Amino acid sequence: RAEEGNISYSLNQNIKKPGEHVFI
């Protein structure tokens, strides 16, 4: 998030499948 060209960066966990994670 602190990088010059970054607009947004997040980690998200699937509510129904707790092992599934997505970086957006």
PDBML (XML) file of the C-alpha atoms, coordinates in Angstrom:
<?xml version="1.0" encoding="UTF-8" ?>
<PDBx:datablock datablockName="MODEL"
   xmlns:PDBx="http://pdbml.pdb.org/schema/pdbx-v50.xsd"
   xmlns:xsi="http://www.w3.org/2001/XMLSchema-instance"
   xsi:schemaLocation="http://pdbml.pdb.org/schema/pdbx-v50.xsd pdbx-v50.xsd">
   <PDBx:atom_siteCategory>
      <PDBx:atom_site id="1">
         <PDBx:B_iso_or_equiv>0.00</PDBx:B_iso_or_equiv>
         <PDBx:Cartn_x>0.000</PDBx:Cartn_x>
         <PDBx:Cartn_y>0.000</PDBx:Cartn_y>
         <PDBx:Cartn_z>0.000</PDBx:Cartn_z>
         <PDBx:auth_asym_id>A</PDBx:auth_asym_id>
         <PDBx:auth_atom_id>CA</PDBx:auth_atom_id>
         <PDBx:auth_comp_id>ARG</PDBx:auth_comp_id>
         <PDBx:auth_seq_id>1</PDBx:auth_seq_id>
         <PDBx:group_PDB>ATOM</PDBx:group_PDB>
         <PDBx:label_alt_id xsi:nil="true" />
         <PDBx:label_asym_id>A</PDBx:label_asym_id>
         <PDBx:label_atom_id>CA</PDBx:label_atom_id>
         <PDBx:label_comp_id>ARG</PDBx:label_comp_id>
         <PDBx:label_entity_id>1</PDBx:label_entity_id>
         <PDBx:label_seq_id>1</PDBx:label_seq_id>
         <PDBx:occupancy>1.00</PDBx:occupancy>
         <PDBx:pdbx_PDB_model_num>1</PDBx:pdbx_PDB_model_num>
         <PDBx:type_symbol>C</PDBx:type_symbol>
      </PDBx:atom_site>
      <PDBx:atom_site id="2">
         <PDBx:B_iso_or_equiv>0.00</PDBx:B_iso_or_equiv>
         <PDBx:Cartn_x>2.951</PDBx:Cartn_x>
         <PDBx:Cartn_y>2.339</PDBx:Cartn_y>
         <PDBx:Cartn_z>0.649</PDBx:Cartn_z>
         <PDBx:auth_asym_id>A</PDBx:auth_asym_id>
         <PDBx:auth_atom_id>CA</PDBx:auth_atom_id>
         <PDBx:auth_comp_id>ALA</PDBx:auth_comp_id>
         <PDBx:auth_seq_id>2</PDBx:auth_seq_id>
         <PDBx:group_PDB>ATOM</PDBx:group_PDB>
         <PDBx:label_alt_id xsi:nil="true" />
         <PDBx:label_asym_id>A</PDBx:label_asym_id>
         <PDBx:label_atom_id>CA</PDBx:label_atom_id>
         <PDBx:label_comp_id>ALA</PDBx:label_comp_id>
         <PDBx:label_entity_id>1</PDBx:label_entity_id>
         <PDBx:label_seq_id>2</PDBx:label_seq_id>
         <PDBx:occupancy>1.00</PDBx:occupancy>
         <PDBx:pdbx_PDB_model_num>1</PDBx:pdbx_PDB_model_num>
         <PDBx:type_symbol>C</PDBx:type_symbol>
      </PDBx:atom_site>
      <PDBx:atom_site id="3">
         <PDBx:B_iso_or_equiv>0.00</PDBx:B_iso_or_equiv>
         <PDBx:Cartn_x>4.412</PDBx:Cartn_x>
         <PDBx:Cartn_y>1.831</PDBx:Cartn_y>
         <PDBx:Cartn_z>-2.832</PDBx:Cartn_z>
         <PDBx:auth_asym_id>A</PDBx:auth_asym_id>
         <PDBx:auth_atom_id>CA</PDBx:auth_atom_id>
         <PDBx:auth_comp_id>GLU</PDBx:auth_comp_id>
         <PDBx:auth_seq_id>3</PDBx:auth_seq_id>
         <PDBx:group_PDB>ATOM</PDBx:group_PDB>
         <PDBx:label_alt_id xsi:nil="true" />
         <PDBx:label_asym_id>A</PDBx:label_asym_id>
         <PDBx:label_atom_id>CA</PDBx:label_atom_id>
         <PDBx:label_comp_id>GLU</PDBx:label_comp_id>
         <PDBx:label_entity_id>1</PDBx:label_entity_id>
         <PDBx:label_seq_id>3</PDBx:label_seq_id>
         <PDBx:occupancy>1.00</PDBx:occupancy>
         <PDBx:pdbx_PDB_model_num>1</PDBx:pdbx_PDB_model_num>
         <PDBx:type_symbol>C</PDBx:type_symbol>
      </PDBx:atom_site>
      <PDBx:atom_site id="4">
         <PDBx:B_iso_or_equiv>0.00</PDBx:B_iso_or_equiv>
         <PDBx:Cartn_x>4.390</PDBx:Cartn_x>
         <PDBx:Cartn_y>4.761</PDBx:Cartn_y>
         <PDBx:Cartn_z>-5.252</PDBx:Cartn_z>
         <PDBx:auth_asym_id>A</PDBx:auth_asym_id>
         <PDBx:auth_atom_id>CA</PDBx:auth_atom_id>
         <PDBx:auth_comp_id>GLU</PDBx:auth_comp_id>
         <PDBx:auth_seq_id>4</PDBx:auth_seq_id>
         <PDBx:group_PDB>ATOM</PDBx:group_PDB>
         <PDBx:label_alt_id xsi:nil="true" />
         <PDBx:label_asym_id>A</PDBx:label_asym_id>
         <PDBx:label_atom_id>CA</PDBx:label_atom_id>
         <PDBx:label_comp_id>GLU</PDBx:label_comp_id>
         <PDBx:label_entity_id>1</PDBx:label_entity_id>
         <PDBx:label_seq_id>4</PDBx:label_seq_id>
         <PDBx:occupancy>1.00</PDBx:occupancy>
         <PDBx:pdbx_PDB_model_num>1</PDBx:pdbx_PDB_model_num>
         <PDBx:type_symbol>C</PDBx:type_symbol>
      </PDBx:atom_site>
      <PDBx:atom_site id="5">
         <PDBx:B_iso_or_equiv>0.00</PDBx:B_iso_or_equiv>
         <PDBx:Cartn_x>2.190</PDBx:Cartn_x>
         <PDBx:Cartn_y>3.202</PDBx:Cartn_y>
         <PDBx:Cartn_z>-7.940</PDBx:Cartn_z>
         <PDBx:auth_asym_id>A</PDBx:auth_asym_id>
         <PDBx:auth_atom_id>CA</PDBx:auth_atom_id>
         <PDBx:auth_comp_id>GLY</PDBx:auth_comp_id>
         <PDBx:auth_seq_id>5</PDBx:auth_seq_id>
         <PDBx:group_PDB>ATOM</PDBx:group_PDB>
         <PDBx:label_alt_id xsi:nil="true" />
         <PDBx:label_asym_id>A</PDBx:label_asym_id>
         <PDBx:label_atom_id>CA</PDBx:label_atom_id>
         <PDBx:label_comp_id>GLY</PDBx:label_comp_id>
         <PDBx:label_entity_id>1</PDBx:label_entity_id>
         <PDBx:label_seq_id>5</PDBx:label_seq_id>
         <PDBx:occupancy>1.00</PDBx:occupancy>
         <PDBx:pdbx_PDB_model_num>1</PDBx:pdbx_PDB_model_num>
         <PDBx:type_symbol>C</PDBx:type_symbol>
      </PDBx:atom_site>
      <PDBx:atom_site id="6">
         <PDBx:B_iso_or_equiv>0.00</PDBx:B_iso_or_equiv>
         <PDBx:Cartn_x>-0.245</PDBx:Cartn_x>
         <PDBx:Cartn_y>1.393</PDBx:Cartn_y>
         <PDBx:Cartn_z>-5.651</PDBx:Cartn_z>
         <PDBx:auth_asym_id>A</PDBx:auth_asym_id>
         <PDBx:auth_atom_id>CA</PDBx:auth_atom_id>
         <PDBx:auth_comp_id>ASN</PDBx:auth_comp_id>
         <PDBx:auth_seq_id>6</PDBx:auth_seq_id>
         <PDBx:group_PDB>ATOM</PDBx:group_PDB>
         <PDBx:label_alt_id xsi:nil="true" />
         <PDBx:label_asym_id>A</PDBx:label_asym_id>
         <PDBx:label_atom_id>CA</PDBx:label_atom_id>
         <PDBx:label_comp_id>ASN</PDBx:label_comp_id>
         <PDBx:label_entity_id>1</PDBx:label_entity_id>
         <PDBx:label_seq_id>6</PDBx:label_seq_id>
         <PDBx:occupancy>1.00</PDBx:occupancy>
         <PDBx:pdbx_PDB_model_num>1</PDBx:pdbx_PDB_model_num>
         <PDBx:type_symbol>C</PDBx:type_symbol>
      </PDBx:atom_site>
      <PDBx:atom_site id="7">
         <PDBx:B_iso_or_equiv>0.00</PDBx:B_iso_or_equiv>
         <PDBx:Cartn_x>-3.867</PDBx:Cartn_x>
         <PDBx:Cartn_y>2.517</PDBx:Cartn_y>
         <PDBx:Cartn_z>-5.564</PDBx:Cartn_z>
         <PDBx:auth_asym_id>A</PDBx:auth_asym_id>
         <PDBx:auth_atom_id>CA</PDBx:auth_atom_id>
         <PDBx:auth_comp_id>ILE</PDBx:auth_comp_id>
         <PDBx:auth_seq_id>7</PDBx:auth_seq_id>
         <PDBx:group_PDB>ATOM</PDBx:group_PDB>
         <PDBx:label_alt_id xsi:nil="true" />
         <PDBx:label_asym_id>A</PDBx:label_asym_id>
         <PDBx:label_atom_id>CA</PDBx:label_atom_id>
         <PDBx:label_comp_id>ILE</PDBx:label_comp_id>
         <PDBx:label_entity_id>1</PDBx:label_entity_id>
         <PDBx:label_seq_id>7</PDBx:label_seq_id>
         <PDBx:occupancy>1.00</PDBx:occupancy>
         <PDBx:pdbx_PDB_model_num>1</PDBx:pdbx_PDB_model_num>
         <PDBx:type_symbol>C</PDBx:type_symbol>
      </PDBx:atom_site>
      <PDBx:atom_site id="8">
         <PDBx:B_iso_or_equiv>0.00</PDBx:B_iso_or_equiv>
         <PDBx:Cartn_x>-5.213</PDBx:Cartn_x>
         <PDBx:Cartn_y>-0.208</PDBx:Cartn_y>
         <PDBx:Cartn_z>-3.261</PDBx:Cartn_z>
         <PDBx:auth_asym_id>A</PDBx:auth_asym_id>
         <PDBx:auth_atom_id>CA</PDBx:auth_atom_id>
         <PDBx:auth_comp_id>SER</PDBx:auth_comp_id>
         <PDBx:auth_seq_id>8</PDBx:auth_seq_id>
         <PDBx:group_PDB>ATOM</PDBx:group_PDB>
         <PDBx:label_alt_id xsi:nil="true" />
         <PDBx:label_asym_id>A</PDBx:label_asym_id>
         <PDBx:label_atom_id>CA</PDBx:label_atom_id>
         <PDBx:label_comp_id>SER</PDBx:label_comp_id>
         <PDBx:label_entity_id>1</PDBx:label_entity_id>
         <PDBx:label_seq_id>8</PDBx:label_seq_id>
         <PDBx:occupancy>1.00</PDBx:occupancy>
         <PDBx:pdbx_PDB_model_num>1</PDBx:pdbx_PDB_model_num>
         <PDBx:type_symbol>C</PDBx:type_symbol>
      </PDBx:atom_site>
      <PDBx:atom_site id="9">
         <PDBx:B_iso_or_equiv>0.00</PDBx:B_iso_or_equiv>
         <PDBx:Cartn_x>-4.166</PDBx:Cartn_x>
         <PDBx:Cartn_y>-3.603</PDBx:Cartn_y>
         <PDBx:Cartn_z>-1.920</PDBx:Cartn_z>
         <PDBx:auth_asym_id>A</PDBx:auth_asym_id>
         <PDBx:auth_atom_id>CA</PDBx:auth_atom_id>
         <PDBx:auth_comp_id>TYR</PDBx:auth_comp_id>
         <PDBx:auth_seq_id>9</PDBx:auth_seq_id>
         <PDBx:group_PDB>ATOM</PDBx:group_PDB>
         <PDBx:label_alt_id xsi:nil="true" />
         <PDBx:label_asym_id>A</PDBx:label_asym_id>
         <PDBx:label_atom_id>CA</PDBx:label_atom_id>
         <PDBx:label_comp_id>TYR</PDBx:label_comp_id>
         <PDBx:label_entity_id>1</PDBx:label_entity_id>
         <PDBx:label_seq_id>9</PDBx:label_seq_id>
         <PDBx:occupancy>1.00</PDBx:occupancy>
         <PDBx:pdbx_PDB_model_num>1</PDBx:pdbx_PDB_model_num>
         <PDBx:type_symbol>C</PDBx:type_symbol>
      </PDBx:atom_site>
      <PDBx:atom_site id="10">
         <PDBx:B_iso_or_equiv>0.00</PDBx:B_iso_or_equiv>
         <PDBx:Cartn_x>-6.187</PDBx:Cartn_x>
         <PDBx:Cartn_y>-5.926</PDBx:Cartn_y>
         <PDBx:Cartn_z>0.292</PDBx:Cartn_z>
         <PDBx:auth_asym_id>A</PDBx:auth_asym_id>
         <PDBx:auth_atom_id>CA</PDBx:auth_atom_id>
         <PDBx:auth_comp_id>SER</PDBx:auth_comp_id>
         <PDBx:auth_seq_id>10</PDBx:auth_seq_id>
         <PDBx:group_PDB>ATOM</PDBx:group_PDB>
         <PDBx:label_alt_id xsi:nil="true" />
         <PDBx:label_asym_id>A</PDBx:label_asym_id>
         <PDBx:label_atom_id>CA</PDBx:label_atom_id>
         <PDBx:label_comp_id>SER</PDBx:label_comp_id>
         <PDBx:label_entity_id>1</PDBx:label_entity_id>
         <PDBx:label_seq_id>10</PDBx:label_seq_id>
         <PDBx:occupancy>1.00</PDBx:occupancy>
         <PDBx:pdbx_PDB_model_num>1</PDBx:pdbx_PDB_model_num>
         <PDBx:type_symbol>C</PDBx:type_symbol>
      </PDBx:atom_site>
      <PDBx:atom_site id="11">
         <PDBx:B_iso_or_equiv>0.00</PDBx:B_iso_or_equiv>
         <PDBx:Cartn_x>-6.422</PDBx:Cartn_x>
         <PDBx:Cartn_y>-9.535</PDBx:Cartn_y>
         <PDBx:Cartn_z>1.424</PDBx:Cartn_z>
         <PDBx:auth_asym_id>A</PDBx:auth_asym_id>
         <PDBx:auth_atom_id>CA</PDBx:auth_atom_id>
         <PDBx:auth_comp_id>LEU</PDBx:auth_comp_id>
         <PDBx:auth_seq_id>11</PDBx:auth_seq_id>
         <PDBx:group_PDB>ATOM</PDBx:group_PDB>
         <PDBx:label_alt_id xsi:nil="true" />
         <PDBx:label_asym_id>A</PDBx:label_asym_id>
         <PDBx:label_atom_id>CA</PDBx:label_atom_id>
         <PDBx:label_comp_id>LEU</PDBx:label_comp_id>
         <PDBx:label_entity_id>1</PDBx:label_entity_id>
         <PDBx:label_seq_id>11</PDBx:label_seq_id>
         <PDBx:occupancy>1.00</PDBx:occupancy>
         <PDBx:pdbx_PDB_model_num>1</PDBx:pdbx_PDB_model_num>
         <PDBx:type_symbol>C</PDBx:type_symbol>
      </PDBx:atom_site>
      <PDBx:atom_site id="12">
         <PDBx:B_iso_or_equiv>0.00</PDBx:B_iso_or_equiv>
         <PDBx:Cartn_x>-9.908</PDBx:Cartn_x>
         <PDBx:Cartn_y>-11.047</PDBx:Cartn_y>
         <PDBx:Cartn_z>1.493</PDBx:Cartn_z>
         <PDBx:auth_asym_id>A</PDBx:auth_asym_id>
         <PDBx:auth_atom_id>CA</PDBx:auth_atom_id>
         <PDBx:auth_comp_id>ASN</PDBx:auth_comp_id>
         <PDBx:auth_seq_id>12</PDBx:auth_seq_id>
         <PDBx:group_PDB>ATOM</PDBx:group_PDB>
         <PDBx:label_alt_id xsi:nil="true" />
         <PDBx:label_asym_id>A</PDBx:label_asym_id>
         <PDBx:label_atom_id>CA</PDBx:label_atom_id>
         <PDBx:label_comp_id>ASN</PDBx:label_comp_id>
         <PDBx:label_entity_id>1</PDBx:label_entity_id>
         <PDBx:label_seq_id>12</PDBx:label_seq_id>
         <PDBx:occupancy>1.00</PDBx:occupancy>
         <PDBx:pdbx_PDB_model_num>1</PDBx:pdbx_PDB_model_num>
         <PDBx:type_symbol>C</PDBx:type_symbol>
      </PDBx:atom_site>
      <PDBx:atom_site id="13">
         <PDBx:B_iso_or_equiv>0.00</PDBx:B_iso_or_equiv>
         <PDBx:Cartn_x>-11.141</PDBx:Cartn_x>
         <PDBx:Cartn_y>-14.364</PDBx:Cartn_y>
         <PDBx:Cartn_z>2.923</PDBx:Cartn_z>
         <PDBx:auth_asym_id>A</PDBx:auth_asym_id>
         <PDBx:auth_atom_id>CA</PDBx:auth_atom_id>
         <PDBx:auth_comp_id>GLN</PDBx:auth_comp_id>
         <PDBx:auth_seq_id>13</PDBx:auth_seq_id>
         <PDBx:group_PDB>ATOM</PDBx:group_PDB>
         <PDBx:label_alt_id xsi:nil="true" />
         <PDBx:label_asym_id>A</PDBx:label_asym_id>
         <PDBx:label_atom_id>CA</PDBx:label_atom_id>
         <PDBx:label_comp_id>GLN</PDBx:label_comp_id>
         <PDBx:label_entity_id>1</PDBx:label_entity_id>
         <PDBx:label_seq_id>13</PDBx:label_seq_id>
         <PDBx:occupancy>1.00</PDBx:occupancy>
         <PDBx:pdbx_PDB_model_num>1</PDBx:pdbx_PDB_model_num>
         <PDBx:type_symbol>C</PDBx:type_symbol>
      </PDBx:atom_site>
      <PDBx:atom_site id="14">
         <PDBx:B_iso_or_equiv>0.00</PDBx:B_iso_or_equiv>
         <PDBx:Cartn_x>-14.050</PDBx:Cartn_x>
         <PDBx:Cartn_y>-16.299</PDBx:Cartn_y>
         <PDBx:Cartn_z>1.420</PDBx:Cartn_z>
         <PDBx:auth_asym_id>A</PDBx:auth_asym_id>
         <PDBx:auth_atom_id>CA</PDBx:auth_atom_id>
         <PDBx:auth_comp_id>ASN</PDBx:auth_comp_id>
         <PDBx:auth_seq_id>14</PDBx:auth_seq_id>
         <PDBx:group_PDB>ATOM</PDBx:group_PDB>
         <PDBx:label_alt_id xsi:nil="true" />
         <PDBx:label_asym_id>A</PDBx:label_asym_id>
         <PDBx:label_atom_id>CA</PDBx:label_atom_id>
         <PDBx:label_comp_id>ASN</PDBx:label_comp_id>
         <PDBx:label_entity_id>1</PDBx:label_entity_id>
         <PDBx:label_seq_id>14</PDBx:label_seq_id>
         <PDBx:occupancy>1.00</PDBx:occupancy>
         <PDBx:pdbx_PDB_model_num>1</PDBx:pdbx_PDB_model_num>
         <PDBx:type_symbol>C</PDBx:type_symbol>
      </PDBx:atom_site>
      <PDBx:atom_site id="15">
         <PDBx:B_iso_or_equiv>0.00</PDBx:B_iso_or_equiv>
         <PDBx:Cartn_x>-16.848</PDBx:Cartn_x>
         <PDBx:Cartn_y>-16.448</PDBx:Cartn_y>
         <PDBx:Cartn_z>4.012</PDBx:Cartn_z>
         <PDBx:auth_asym_id>A</PDBx:auth_asym_id>
         <PDBx:auth_atom_id>CA</PDBx:auth_atom_id>
         <PDBx:auth_comp_id>ILE</PDBx:auth_comp_id>
         <PDBx:auth_seq_id>15</PDBx:auth_seq_id>
         <PDBx:group_PDB>ATOM</PDBx:group_PDB>
         <PDBx:label_alt_id xsi:nil="true" />
         <PDBx:label_asym_id>A</PDBx:label_asym_id>
         <PDBx:label_atom_id>CA</PDBx:label_atom_id>
         <PDBx:label_comp_id>ILE</PDBx:label_comp_id>
         <PDBx:label_entity_id>1</PDBx:label_entity_id>
         <PDBx:label_seq_id>15</PDBx:label_seq_id>
         <PDBx:occupancy>1.00</PDBx:occupancy>
         <PDBx:pdbx_PDB_model_num>1</PDBx:pdbx_PDB_model_num>
         <PDBx:type_symbol>C</PDBx:type_symbol>
      </PDBx:atom_site>
      <PDBx:atom_site id="16">
         <PDBx:B_iso_or_equiv>0.00</PDBx:B_iso_or_equiv>
         <PDBx:Cartn_x>-18.068</PDBx:Cartn_x>
         <PDBx:Cartn_y>-19.886</PDBx:Cartn_y>
         <PDBx:Cartn_z>2.922</PDBx:Cartn_z>
         <PDBx:auth_asym_id>A</PDBx:auth_asym_id>
         <PDBx:auth_atom_id>CA</PDBx:auth_atom_id>
         <PDBx:auth_comp_id>LYS</PDBx:auth_comp_id>
         <PDBx:auth_seq_id>16</PDBx:auth_seq_id>
         <PDBx:group_PDB>ATOM</PDBx:group_PDB>
         <PDBx:label_alt_id xsi:nil="true" />
         <PDBx:label_asym_id>A</PDBx:label_asym_id>
         <PDBx:label_atom_id>CA</PDBx:label_atom_id>
         <PDBx:label_comp_id>LYS</PDBx:label_comp_id>
         <PDBx:label_entity_id>1</PDBx:label_entity_id>
         <PDBx:label_seq_id>16</PDBx:label_seq_id>
         <PDBx:occupancy>1.00</PDBx:occupancy>
         <PDBx:pdbx_PDB_model_num>1</PDBx:pdbx_PDB_model_num>
         <PDBx:type_symbol>C</PDBx:type_symbol>
      </PDBx:atom_site>
      <PDBx:atom_site id="17">
         <PDBx:B_iso_or_equiv>0.00</PDBx:B_iso_or_equiv>
         <PDBx:Cartn_x>-14.615</PDBx:Cartn_x>
         <PDBx:Cartn_y>-21.388</PDBx:Cartn_y>
         <PDBx:Cartn_z>2.224</PDBx:Cartn_z>
         <PDBx:auth_asym_id>A</PDBx:auth_asym_id>
         <PDBx:auth_atom_id>CA</PDBx:auth_atom_id>
         <PDBx:auth_comp_id>LYS</PDBx:auth_comp_id>
         <PDBx:auth_seq_id>17</PDBx:auth_seq_id>
         <PDBx:group_PDB>ATOM</PDBx:group_PDB>
         <PDBx:label_alt_id xsi:nil="true" />
         <PDBx:label_asym_id>A</PDBx:label_asym_id>
         <PDBx:label_atom_id>CA</PDBx:label_atom_id>
         <PDBx:label_comp_id>LYS</PDBx:label_comp_id>
         <PDBx:label_entity_id>1</PDBx:label_entity_id>
         <PDBx:label_seq_id>17</PDBx:label_seq_id>
         <PDBx:occupancy>1.00</PDBx:occupancy>
         <PDBx:pdbx_PDB_model_num>1</PDBx:pdbx_PDB_model_num>
         <PDBx:type_symbol>C</PDBx:type_symbol>
      </PDBx:atom_site>
      <PDBx:atom_site id="18">
         <PDBx:B_iso_or_equiv>0.00</PDBx:B_iso_or_equiv>
         <PDBx:Cartn_x>-12.279</PDBx:Cartn_x>
         <PDBx:Cartn_y>-20.077</PDBx:Cartn_y>
         <PDBx:Cartn_z>4.957</PDBx:Cartn_z>
         <PDBx:auth_asym_id>A</PDBx:auth_asym_id>
         <PDBx:auth_atom_id>CA</PDBx:auth_atom_id>
         <PDBx:auth_comp_id>PRO</PDBx:auth_comp_id>
         <PDBx:auth_seq_id>18</PDBx:auth_seq_id>
         <PDBx:group_PDB>ATOM</PDBx:group_PDB>
         <PDBx:label_alt_id xsi:nil="true" />
         <PDBx:label_asym_id>A</PDBx:label_asym_id>
         <PDBx:label_atom_id>CA</PDBx:label_atom_id>
         <PDBx:label_comp_id>PRO</PDBx:label_comp_id>
         <PDBx:label_entity_id>1</PDBx:label_entity_id>
         <PDBx:label_seq_id>18</PDBx:label_seq_id>
         <PDBx:occupancy>1.00</PDBx:occupancy>
         <PDBx:pdbx_PDB_model_num>1</PDBx:pdbx_PDB_model_num>
         <PDBx:type_symbol>C</PDBx:type_symbol>
      </PDBx:atom_site>
      <PDBx:atom_site id="19">
         <PDBx:B_iso_or_equiv>0.00</PDBx:B_iso_or_equiv>
         <PDBx:Cartn_x>-9.139</PDBx:Cartn_x>
         <PDBx:Cartn_y>-21.406</PDBx:Cartn_y>
         <PDBx:Cartn_z>3.268</PDBx:Cartn_z>
         <PDBx:auth_asym_id>A</PDBx:auth_asym_id>
         <PDBx:auth_atom_id>CA</PDBx:auth_atom_id>
         <PDBx:auth_comp_id>GLY</PDBx:auth_comp_id>
         <PDBx:auth_seq_id>19</PDBx:auth_seq_id>
         <PDBx:group_PDB>ATOM</PDBx:group_PDB>
         <PDBx:label_alt_id xsi:nil="true" />
         <PDBx:label_asym_id>A</PDBx:label_asym_id>
         <PDBx:label_atom_id>CA</PDBx:label_atom_id>
         <PDBx:label_comp_id>GLY</PDBx:label_comp_id>
         <PDBx:label_entity_id>1</PDBx:label_entity_id>
         <PDBx:label_seq_id>19</PDBx:label_seq_id>
         <PDBx:occupancy>1.00</PDBx:occupancy>
         <PDBx:pdbx_PDB_model_num>1</PDBx:pdbx_PDB_model_num>
         <PDBx:type_symbol>C</PDBx:type_symbol>
      </PDBx:atom_site>
      <PDBx:atom_site id="20">
         <PDBx:B_iso_or_equiv>0.00</PDBx:B_iso_or_equiv>
         <PDBx:Cartn_x>-9.774</PDBx:Cartn_x>
         <PDBx:Cartn_y>-19.437</PDBx:Cartn_y>
         <PDBx:Cartn_z>0.086</PDBx:Cartn_z>
         <PDBx:auth_asym_id>A</PDBx:auth_asym_id>
         <PDBx:auth_atom_id>CA</PDBx:auth_atom_id>
         <PDBx:auth_comp_id>GLU</PDBx:auth_comp_id>
         <PDBx:auth_seq_id>20</PDBx:auth_seq_id>
         <PDBx:group_PDB>ATOM</PDBx:group_PDB>
         <PDBx:label_alt_id xsi:nil="true" />
         <PDBx:label_asym_id>A</PDBx:label_asym_id>
         <PDBx:label_atom_id>CA</PDBx:label_atom_id>
         <PDBx:label_comp_id>GLU</PDBx:label_comp_id>
         <PDBx:label_entity_id>1</PDBx:label_entity_id>
         <PDBx:label_seq_id>20</PDBx:label_seq_id>
         <PDBx:occupancy>1.00</PDBx:occupancy>
         <PDBx:pdbx_PDB_model_num>1</PDBx:pdbx_PDB_model_num>
         <PDBx:type_symbol>C</PDBx:type_symbol>
      </PDBx:atom_site>
      <PDBx:atom_site id="21">
         <PDBx:B_iso_or_equiv>0.00</PDBx:B_iso_or_equiv>
         <PDBx:Cartn_x>-8.064</PDBx:Cartn_x>
         <PDBx:Cartn_y>-16.051</PDBx:Cartn_y>
         <PDBx:Cartn_z>0.126</PDBx:Cartn_z>
         <PDBx:auth_asym_id>A</PDBx:auth_asym_id>
         <PDBx:auth_atom_id>CA</PDBx:auth_atom_id>
         <PDBx:auth_comp_id>HIS</PDBx:auth_comp_id>
         <PDBx:auth_seq_id>21</PDBx:auth_seq_id>
         <PDBx:group_PDB>ATOM</PDBx:group_PDB>
         <PDBx:label_alt_id xsi:nil="true" />
         <PDBx:label_asym_id>A</PDBx:label_asym_id>
         <PDBx:label_atom_id>CA</PDBx:label_atom_id>
         <PDBx:label_comp_id>HIS</PDBx:label_comp_id>
         <PDBx:label_entity_id>1</PDBx:label_entity_id>
         <PDBx:label_seq_id>21</PDBx:label_seq_id>
         <PDBx:occupancy>1.00</PDBx:occupancy>
         <PDBx:pdbx_PDB_model_num>1</PDBx:pdbx_PDB_model_num>
         <PDBx:type_symbol>C</PDBx:type_symbol>
      </PDBx:atom_site>
      <PDBx:atom_site id="22">
         <PDBx:B_iso_or_equiv>0.00</PDBx:B_iso_or_equiv>
         <PDBx:Cartn_x>-7.888</PDBx:Cartn_x>
         <PDBx:Cartn_y>-13.397</PDBx:Cartn_y>
         <PDBx:Cartn_z>-2.570</PDBx:Cartn_z>
         <PDBx:auth_asym_id>A</PDBx:auth_asym_id>
         <PDBx:auth_atom_id>CA</PDBx:auth_atom_id>
         <PDBx:auth_comp_id>VAL</PDBx:auth_comp_id>
         <PDBx:auth_seq_id>22</PDBx:auth_seq_id>
         <PDBx:group_PDB>ATOM</PDBx:group_PDB>
         <PDBx:label_alt_id xsi:nil="true" />
         <PDBx:label_asym_id>A</PDBx:label_asym_id>
         <PDBx:label_atom_id>CA</PDBx:label_atom_id>
         <PDBx:label_comp_id>VAL</PDBx:label_comp_id>
         <PDBx:label_entity_id>1</PDBx:label_entity_id>
         <PDBx:label_seq_id>22</PDBx:label_seq_id>
         <PDBx:occupancy>1.00</PDBx:occupancy>
         <PDBx:pdbx_PDB_model_num>1</PDBx:pdbx_PDB_model_num>
         <PDBx:type_symbol>C</PDBx:type_symbol>
      </PDBx:atom_site>
      <PDBx:atom_site id="23">
         <PDBx:B_iso_or_equiv>0.00</PDBx:B_iso_or_equiv>
         <PDBx:Cartn_x>-5.480</PDBx:Cartn_x>
         <PDBx:Cartn_y>-10.493</PDBx:Cartn_y>
         <PDBx:Cartn_z>-2.849</PDBx:Cartn_z>
         <PDBx:auth_asym_id>A</PDBx:auth_asym_id>
         <PDBx:auth_atom_id>CA</PDBx:auth_atom_id>
         <PDBx:auth_comp_id>PHE</PDBx:auth_comp_id>
         <PDBx:auth_seq_id>23</PDBx:auth_seq_id>
         <PDBx:group_PDB>ATOM</PDBx:group_PDB>
         <PDBx:label_alt_id xsi:nil="true" />
         <PDBx:label_asym_id>A</PDBx:label_asym_id>
         <PDBx:label_atom_id>CA</PDBx:label_atom_id>
         <PDBx:label_comp_id>PHE</PDBx:label_comp_id>
         <PDBx:label_entity_id>1</PDBx:label_entity_id>
         <PDBx:label_seq_id>23</PDBx:label_seq_id>
         <PDBx:occupancy>1.00</PDBx:occupancy>
         <PDBx:pdbx_PDB_model_num>1</PDBx:pdbx_PDB_model_num>
         <PDBx:type_symbol>C</PDBx:type_symbol>
      </PDBx:atom_site>
      <PDBx:atom_site id="24">
         <PDBx:B_iso_or_equiv>0.00</PDBx:B_iso_or_equiv>
         <PDBx:Cartn_x>-7.216</PDBx:Cartn_x>
         <PDBx:Cartn_y>-7.659</PDBx:Cartn_y>
         <PDBx:Cartn_z>-4.700</PDBx:Cartn_z>
         <PDBx:auth_asym_id>A</PDBx:auth_asym_id>
         <PDBx:auth_atom_id>CA</PDBx:auth_atom_id>
         <PDBx:auth_comp_id>ILE</PDBx:auth_comp_id>
         <PDBx:auth_seq_id>24</PDBx:auth_seq_id>
         <PDBx:group_PDB>ATOM</PDBx:group_PDB>
         <PDBx:label_alt_id xsi:nil="true" />
         <PDBx:label_asym_id>A</PDBx:label_asym_id>
         <PDBx:label_atom_id>CA</PDBx:label_atom_id>
         <PDBx:label_comp_id>ILE</PDBx:label_comp_id>
         <PDBx:label_entity_id>1</PDBx:label_entity_id>
         <PDBx:label_seq_id>24</PDBx:label_seq_id>
         <PDBx:occupancy>1.00</PDBx:occupancy>
         <PDBx:pdbx_PDB_model_num>1</PDBx:pdbx_PDB_model_num>
         <PDBx:type_symbol>C</PDBx:type_symbol>
      </PDBx:atom_site>
   </PDBx:atom_siteCategory>
</PDBx:datablock>
